[in-house]
Protein backbone atom coordinates (compact mmCIF):
# COMPACT_ATOMS: atom_id res chain seq x y z
CA UNK A 1 -25.55 -11.62 13.36
CA UNK A 2 -23.07 -14.23 12.12
CA UNK A 3 -20.44 -14.93 14.79
CA UNK A 4 -17.60 -14.32 12.30
CA UNK A 5 -18.98 -10.90 11.46
CA UNK A 6 -19.62 -10.09 15.12
CA UNK A 7 -16.01 -10.77 16.04
CA UNK A 8 -14.67 -8.91 13.02
CA UNK A 9 -16.67 -5.83 13.96
CA UNK A 10 -15.54 -6.03 17.58
CA UNK A 11 -11.90 -6.22 16.53
CA UNK A 12 -12.28 -3.49 13.93
CA UNK A 13 -13.83 -1.01 16.35
CA UNK A 14 -11.28 -1.71 19.08
CA UNK A 15 -8.42 -1.18 16.64
CA UNK A 16 -10.05 1.86 15.06
CA UNK A 17 -9.84 3.64 18.42
CA UNK A 18 -6.06 3.21 18.68
CA UNK A 19 -4.52 4.17 15.31
CA UNK A 20 -0.73 4.40 15.18
CA UNK A 21 1.72 5.42 12.48
CA UNK A 22 4.52 3.62 10.62
CA UNK A 23 6.56 1.34 12.85
CA UNK A 24 5.40 2.97 16.12
CA UNK A 25 2.60 0.49 16.82
CA UNK A 26 2.88 -0.42 20.50
CA UNK A 27 -0.85 -0.48 21.32
CA UNK A 28 -1.79 -2.14 18.04
CA UNK A 29 0.84 -4.82 18.46
CA UNK A 30 -0.26 -5.44 22.05
CA UNK A 31 -3.88 -5.88 20.93
CA UNK A 32 -2.89 -8.33 18.20
CA UNK A 33 -0.70 -10.34 20.55
CA UNK A 34 -3.44 -10.51 23.18
CA UNK A 35 -5.86 -12.02 20.66
CA UNK A 36 -3.33 -14.42 19.16
CA UNK A 37 -2.19 -15.91 22.46
CA UNK A 38 -5.57 -17.65 22.75
CA UNK A 39 -5.44 -19.22 19.27
CA UNK A 40 -2.73 -21.85 19.68
CA UNK A 41 -0.28 -20.11 17.38
CA UNK A 42 3.47 -20.09 17.59
CA UNK A 43 3.97 -16.34 17.95
CA UNK A 44 7.02 -14.38 16.90
CA UNK A 45 7.52 -10.62 17.18
CA UNK A 46 9.74 -8.77 14.75
CA UNK A 47 11.45 -5.52 15.67
CA UNK A 48 10.09 -2.97 15.89
CA UNK A 49 6.43 -3.97 15.57
CA UNK A 50 5.71 -6.91 13.26
CA UNK A 51 3.93 -10.06 14.43
CA UNK A 52 3.97 -13.56 12.96
CA UNK A 53 1.47 -16.26 13.97
CA UNK A 54 2.34 -19.76 12.75
CA UNK A 55 -0.12 -22.66 12.85
CA UNK A 56 1.60 -26.01 12.37
CA UNK A 57 -0.72 -28.66 10.95
CA UNK A 58 2.10 -31.09 10.26
CA UNK A 59 2.34 -30.31 6.56
CA UNK A 60 5.44 -29.71 4.48
CA UNK A 61 4.38 -26.30 3.13
CA UNK A 62 2.71 -23.15 4.37
CA UNK A 63 0.09 -20.69 3.15
CA UNK A 64 0.61 -17.08 4.30
CA UNK A 65 -2.03 -14.39 4.77
CA UNK A 66 -1.04 -10.78 5.41
CA UNK A 67 -2.67 -7.77 7.09
CA UNK A 68 -1.14 -4.32 7.49
CA UNK A 69 -1.27 -2.57 10.86
CA UNK A 70 -0.49 1.14 10.45
CA UNK A 71 -2.79 4.16 10.19
CA UNK A 72 -2.48 7.62 8.64
CA UNK A 73 -1.65 11.08 10.05
CA UNK A 74 -5.22 12.36 9.62
CA UNK A 75 -7.55 14.01 12.14
CA UNK A 76 -10.70 11.87 12.10
CA UNK A 77 -14.03 13.47 11.22
CA UNK A 78 -16.14 10.36 10.63
CA UNK A 79 -18.51 10.99 13.52
CA UNK A 80 -18.60 7.32 14.56
CA UNK A 81 -18.86 6.54 18.27
CA UNK A 82 -15.67 4.44 18.12
CA UNK A 83 -13.56 7.20 16.56
CA UNK A 84 -9.83 7.56 17.07
CA UNK A 85 -8.62 8.36 20.57
CA UNK A 86 -5.26 9.45 19.18
CA UNK A 87 -5.29 13.08 17.96
CA UNK A 88 -4.08 13.50 14.40
CA UNK A 89 -4.16 9.76 13.64
CA UNK A 90 -6.85 7.71 11.91
CA UNK A 91 -7.40 4.34 10.28
CA UNK A 92 -8.48 6.05 7.07
CA UNK A 93 -7.16 3.36 4.73
CA UNK A 94 -8.98 0.38 6.22
CA UNK A 95 -6.02 -1.34 7.83
CA UNK A 96 -8.11 -1.79 10.97
CA UNK A 97 -10.51 -3.82 8.82
CA UNK A 98 -7.65 -5.90 7.42
CA UNK A 99 -6.41 -6.64 10.94
CA UNK A 100 -9.92 -7.43 12.17
CA UNK A 101 -10.54 -9.97 9.42
CA UNK A 102 -7.24 -11.77 9.96
CA UNK A 103 -7.68 -11.86 13.74
CA UNK A 104 -11.14 -13.37 13.24
CA UNK A 105 -9.57 -15.97 10.98
CA UNK A 106 -6.96 -16.70 13.64
CA UNK A 107 -9.68 -17.41 16.21
CA UNK A 108 -11.15 -20.13 13.97
CA UNK A 109 -8.00 -21.71 12.57
CA UNK A 110 -7.67 -24.56 15.05
CA UNK A 111 -11.15 -25.82 14.14
CA UNK A 112 -10.08 -26.35 10.53
CA UNK A 113 -8.12 -29.18 8.91
CA UNK A 114 -6.24 -27.34 6.18
CA UNK A 115 -3.99 -29.08 3.65
CA UNK A 116 -1.12 -26.71 4.53
CA UNK A 117 0.34 -25.00 7.56
CA UNK A 118 -0.72 -21.36 7.94
CA UNK A 119 1.31 -18.23 8.66
CA UNK A 120 -0.54 -15.03 9.52
CA UNK A 121 1.57 -11.91 8.95
CA UNK A 122 0.74 -8.70 10.79
CA UNK A 123 2.88 -6.10 9.08
CA UNK A 124 3.86 -2.55 10.12
CA UNK A 125 4.45 0.53 7.97
CA UNK A 126 2.67 -0.25 4.73
CA UNK A 127 1.77 3.39 4.18
CA UNK A 128 5.18 4.96 4.48
CA UNK A 129 7.96 2.59 5.42
CA UNK A 130 7.75 -0.43 3.11
CA UNK A 131 7.25 -2.59 6.19
CA UNK A 132 6.98 -5.68 3.99
CA UNK A 133 10.76 -5.70 3.75
CA UNK A 134 10.98 -6.15 7.54
CA UNK A 135 9.03 -9.38 7.21
CA UNK A 136 10.89 -10.58 4.12
CA UNK A 137 14.34 -9.69 5.45
CA UNK A 138 13.61 -11.63 8.66
CA UNK A 139 13.69 -14.83 6.60
CA UNK A 140 10.15 -15.73 7.71
CA UNK A 141 9.03 -16.86 4.26
CA UNK A 142 11.90 -19.36 4.06
CA UNK A 143 11.82 -20.33 7.72
CA UNK A 144 8.14 -21.28 7.62
CA UNK A 145 8.35 -22.78 4.10
CA UNK A 146 5.79 -20.38 2.65
CA UNK A 147 4.77 -21.35 -0.88
CA UNK A 148 1.99 -18.82 -1.54
CA UNK A 149 0.59 -15.64 -0.02
CA UNK A 150 -2.67 -13.67 -0.16
CA UNK A 151 -3.88 -10.33 1.16
CA UNK A 152 -7.04 -8.23 1.08
CA UNK A 153 -7.58 -4.50 0.70
CA UNK A 154 -10.99 -2.98 1.38
CA UNK A 155 -12.20 -0.76 -1.46
CA UNK A 156 -14.97 1.87 -1.14
CA UNK A 157 -16.05 2.14 -4.79
CA UNK A 158 -16.70 -1.57 -5.36
CA UNK A 159 -20.07 -3.18 -4.55
CA UNK A 160 -20.41 -4.18 -0.90
CA UNK A 161 -19.16 -7.66 -0.14
CA UNK A 162 -17.75 -8.32 -3.60
CA UNK A 163 -14.38 -10.03 -3.92
CA UNK A 164 -12.50 -8.36 -6.78
CA UNK A 165 -9.11 -9.01 -8.36
CA UNK A 166 -7.39 -9.71 -11.66
CA UNK A 167 -4.50 -11.83 -12.95
CA UNK A 168 -1.22 -10.07 -13.63
CA UNK A 169 -0.84 -6.36 -12.95
CA UNK A 170 -3.15 -5.13 -10.20
CA UNK A 171 -1.41 -2.06 -8.77
CA UNK A 172 1.39 0.18 -9.94
CA UNK A 173 5.09 0.48 -9.25
CA UNK A 174 5.52 3.83 -7.55
CA UNK A 175 8.02 6.26 -6.16
CA UNK A 176 7.86 9.73 -4.79
CA UNK A 177 9.85 12.06 -7.01
CA UNK A 178 11.66 14.95 -5.31
CA UNK A 179 13.42 17.45 -7.57
CA UNK A 180 15.57 20.32 -6.35
CA UNK A 181 16.60 23.04 -8.79
CA UNK A 182 19.56 25.15 -7.69
CA UNK A 183 20.12 28.62 -9.12
CA UNK A 184 21.63 31.90 -7.97
CA UNK A 185 19.88 34.85 -6.34
CA UNK A 186 20.05 38.37 -7.68
CA UNK A 187 17.83 41.42 -7.79
CA UNK A 188 15.09 40.88 -10.33
CA UNK A 189 16.24 44.07 -12.11
CA UNK A 190 19.66 42.48 -12.64
CA UNK A 191 18.82 39.02 -14.03
CA UNK A 192 22.23 38.74 -15.69
CA UNK A 193 23.74 38.33 -12.22
CA UNK A 194 21.50 35.41 -11.23
CA UNK A 195 20.26 31.99 -12.31
CA UNK A 196 16.48 31.75 -12.07
CA UNK A 197 15.60 28.47 -10.36
CA UNK A 198 11.89 29.24 -10.54
CA UNK A 199 11.98 29.69 -14.32
CA UNK A 200 14.09 26.55 -14.74
CA UNK A 201 11.62 24.56 -12.64
CA UNK A 202 8.65 25.82 -14.66
CA UNK A 203 10.42 24.96 -17.90
CA UNK A 204 11.23 21.48 -16.61
CA UNK A 205 7.65 20.66 -15.61
CA UNK A 206 6.23 22.30 -18.72
CA UNK A 207 8.39 20.17 -21.00
CA UNK A 208 8.68 16.86 -19.16
CA UNK A 209 5.00 16.31 -18.44
CA UNK A 210 3.73 16.60 -22.05
CA UNK A 211 6.72 14.58 -23.24
CA UNK A 212 5.86 11.68 -20.93
CA UNK A 213 2.14 11.90 -21.69
CA UNK A 214 2.79 11.69 -25.44
CA UNK A 215 5.60 9.15 -25.49
CA UNK A 216 3.87 6.71 -23.11
CA UNK A 217 0.28 7.26 -24.22
CA UNK A 218 -0.15 3.56 -25.01
CA UNK A 219 0.72 2.30 -21.51
CA UNK A 220 -0.91 3.10 -18.18
CA UNK A 221 1.32 5.43 -16.17
CA UNK A 222 1.24 8.41 -13.85
CA UNK A 223 3.60 11.36 -13.74
CA UNK A 224 2.92 14.66 -12.01
CA UNK A 225 3.77 17.08 -9.20
CA UNK A 226 1.65 18.10 -6.25
CA UNK A 227 4.09 20.59 -4.67
CA UNK A 228 6.16 23.39 -6.21
CA UNK A 229 7.96 25.78 -3.86
CA UNK A 230 10.28 28.58 -4.95
CA UNK A 231 11.50 32.04 -4.05
CA UNK A 232 11.70 34.31 -1.02
CA UNK A 233 10.53 37.72 -2.29
CA UNK A 234 8.75 39.19 -5.29
CA UNK A 235 11.79 41.20 -6.42
CA UNK A 236 14.49 38.56 -5.89
CA UNK A 237 15.35 35.90 -8.44
CA UNK A 238 14.82 32.52 -6.81
CA UNK A 239 17.94 30.55 -6.03
CA UNK A 240 16.11 27.29 -5.30
CA UNK A 241 12.99 25.46 -6.41
CA UNK A 242 11.70 22.29 -4.77
CA UNK A 243 9.16 20.02 -6.39
CA UNK A 244 7.54 16.85 -5.09
CA UNK A 245 5.56 14.47 -7.26
CA UNK A 246 4.87 10.87 -8.17
CA UNK A 247 5.99 8.49 -10.90
CA UNK A 248 4.07 5.24 -11.44
CA UNK A 249 3.94 2.42 -13.98
CA UNK A 250 3.06 -1.28 -14.14
CA UNK A 251 6.34 -2.40 -15.69
CA UNK A 252 9.79 -1.75 -14.22
CA UNK A 253 11.33 -1.21 -17.66
CA UNK A 254 8.68 1.41 -18.49
CA UNK A 255 9.28 3.09 -15.14
CA UNK A 256 13.03 3.23 -15.76
CA UNK A 257 12.53 4.57 -19.29
CA UNK A 258 10.20 7.33 -18.08
CA UNK A 259 12.65 8.33 -15.38
CA UNK A 260 15.46 8.47 -17.92
CA UNK A 261 13.40 10.75 -20.17
CA UNK A 262 12.53 13.01 -17.23
CA UNK A 263 16.18 13.35 -16.26
CA UNK A 264 17.16 14.01 -19.86
CA UNK A 265 14.68 16.88 -19.96
CA UNK A 266 16.22 18.24 -16.76
CA UNK A 267 19.66 18.08 -18.36
CA UNK A 268 18.42 20.06 -21.36
CA UNK A 269 16.90 22.76 -19.16
CA UNK A 270 20.07 22.87 -17.07
CA UNK A 271 22.21 23.49 -20.14
CA UNK A 272 19.92 26.30 -21.29
CA UNK A 273 19.51 28.06 -17.95
CA UNK A 274 22.63 27.26 -15.96
CA UNK A 275 20.57 25.76 -13.14
CA UNK A 276 21.44 22.46 -11.48
CA UNK A 277 18.92 19.64 -10.98
CA UNK A 278 19.09 17.08 -8.18
CA UNK A 279 16.73 14.08 -8.07
CA UNK A 280 15.83 12.03 -5.03
CA UNK A 281 13.60 8.95 -5.20
CA UNK A 282 12.86 7.28 -1.86
CA UNK A 283 12.64 3.50 -1.76
CA UNK A 284 10.20 2.38 -4.42
CA UNK A 285 7.28 -0.02 -4.21
CA UNK A 286 7.36 -2.51 -7.10
CA UNK A 287 4.15 -3.24 -9.04
CA UNK A 288 1.62 -5.64 -7.55
CA UNK A 289 1.65 -8.52 -10.04
CA UNK A 290 -0.81 -11.27 -9.15
CA UNK A 291 0.34 -14.77 -9.98
CA UNK A 292 -2.09 -16.15 -12.58
CA UNK A 293 -2.54 -19.54 -10.89
CA UNK A 294 -3.04 -17.88 -7.50
CA UNK A 295 -5.69 -15.62 -9.01
CA UNK A 296 -7.48 -18.61 -10.53
CA UNK A 297 -7.39 -20.32 -7.13
CA UNK A 298 -8.90 -17.19 -5.60
CA UNK A 299 -11.68 -17.07 -8.18
CA UNK A 300 -12.42 -20.78 -7.82
CA UNK A 301 -12.53 -20.74 -4.02
CA UNK A 302 -14.74 -17.66 -3.83
CA UNK A 303 -17.56 -20.14 -4.47
CA UNK A 304 -20.89 -18.50 -3.69
CA UNK A 305 -19.28 -15.22 -2.66
CA UNK A 306 -19.88 -12.44 -5.22
CA UNK A 307 -16.75 -12.21 -7.37
CA UNK A 308 -15.67 -9.81 -10.10
CA UNK A 309 -12.60 -9.72 -12.31
CA UNK A 310 -11.31 -6.18 -12.66
CA UNK A 311 -10.94 -5.02 -16.26
CA UNK A 312 -7.77 -3.02 -15.71
CA UNK A 313 -5.18 -2.37 -12.99
CA UNK A 314 -5.23 0.65 -10.69
CA UNK A 315 -2.67 3.45 -10.47
CA UNK A 316 -2.33 3.03 -6.73
CA UNK A 317 0.52 1.32 -4.90
CA UNK A 318 0.87 -1.31 -2.18
CA UNK A 319 3.94 -2.85 -0.60
CA UNK A 320 2.31 -6.29 -0.79
CA UNK A 321 4.13 -6.17 -4.13
CA UNK A 322 7.36 -6.99 -2.28
CA UNK A 323 6.02 -10.39 -1.23
CA UNK A 324 4.89 -11.17 -4.77
CA UNK A 325 8.42 -10.63 -6.05
CA UNK A 326 9.54 -13.38 -3.65
CA UNK A 327 6.75 -15.98 -3.87
CA UNK A 328 3.52 -16.58 -5.83
CA UNK A 329 0.31 -15.10 -4.51
CA UNK A 330 -2.46 -12.59 -5.10
CA UNK A 331 -4.18 -9.60 -3.57
CA UNK A 332 -7.93 -9.13 -3.71
CA UNK A 333 -10.19 -6.19 -2.98
CA UNK A 334 -13.25 -6.32 -0.74
CA UNK A 335 -16.01 -3.98 -1.87
CA UNK A 336 -17.53 -1.59 0.66
CA UNK A 337 -20.00 0.54 -1.38
CA UNK A 338 -18.85 3.47 0.74
CA UNK A 339 -19.56 7.09 -0.25
CA UNK A 340 -16.30 8.23 1.36
CA UNK A 341 -12.91 7.46 -0.21
CA UNK A 342 -9.83 5.97 1.39
CA UNK A 343 -7.46 8.47 3.02
CA UNK A 344 -10.42 10.72 3.82
CA UNK A 345 -11.01 12.16 7.30
CA UNK A 346 -14.68 11.12 6.89
CA UNK A 347 -13.93 7.54 5.82
CA UNK A 348 -16.44 5.02 7.17
CA UNK A 349 -18.30 2.01 5.79
CA UNK A 350 -20.94 -0.65 6.39
CA UNK A 351 -19.08 -3.23 8.46
CA UNK A 352 -21.28 -6.09 7.26
CA UNK A 353 -18.96 -6.26 4.23
CA UNK A 354 -16.24 -7.75 6.45
CA UNK A 355 -17.94 -11.14 6.64
CA UNK A 356 -17.15 -11.97 3.02
CA UNK A 357 -13.51 -11.01 3.49
CA UNK A 358 -13.23 -13.41 6.42
CA UNK A 359 -14.97 -16.16 4.46
CA UNK A 360 -12.65 -15.66 1.49
CA UNK A 361 -9.62 -16.10 3.74
CA UNK A 362 -11.13 -19.20 5.35
CA UNK A 363 -11.85 -20.71 1.93
CA UNK A 364 -8.22 -20.21 0.94
CA UNK A 365 -7.04 -21.89 4.14
CA UNK A 366 -9.34 -24.88 3.77
CA UNK A 367 -8.67 -25.54 0.11
CA UNK A 368 -5.27 -24.27 -1.01
CA UNK A 369 -3.35 -27.48 -1.76
CA UNK A 370 0.33 -28.06 -1.19
CA UNK A 371 2.39 -28.05 -4.39
């Protein structure tokens, strides 16, 4: 077995056993720091759980590579002998693989003679906390003179070992969409005394969804609700309805226009029914927009590695987008040919795919020129 792959597998399995959530990454951070201290890096920890590893090769500019550290609140059912030791937590999105590849890269960095300095970013809270902002707000990109950045995400449905990406839009801008409809309770036999929040909520969804689907049929987007809760009894008019859904697009102007149309529909239903609508959108992830020149660099440096250009972007989200709003760069996918999807309790994959991810990162380090 190739020594790069051997180390990547060792790291991946060790990290897979200790999944942690959000910013609460004490064991994961300790593991990362223990590996990095032997690599000659200048190490910096960021509160509460980020890690930066800087390799100074005496150059004027720096290439950054990023891996995310957090897991998901899922009870593992993969059956592997290195399964999670933390009940209710699992690396079901492949972040253990991302960490493993970057740690393997770190162990080989000092043997290279890259044309730039290198900053390895180990980031918390990609899944739920937009942890990228912790790194960006720390000033690390400016402090280490970072001129470009790359990241990898493993992907089950792509052929094993393939490097895949595309120029421009790769992943969507997204926000959770929480809607509360406020009405007034009354006995169901006396509807004139109440305001039916359940009916208002049904009317809102029934009108807004087909409106958005028709009006934005020519652009990729996503709008829908996965939760709809209302009422307390079968003979009482509901005084409150709560809905939770998702709104996604690849262009911020399109996103804003869709949201405006959704709220306008809510206003119309409110006028007709007397109900009140409140909207709450948690902090949004912007779209992942790959810099065209960075993508071309990625394609060129893939060399003999199997490479594919994706035909269209994906309606998933990633907070790597935050970095790409600040500096040029690109994200690429690493194919796994796995029968189980991401975010599944059964998620597992053939670890031999990791070698090509490591080699792609090493190629970027060896050959990305200073500007």
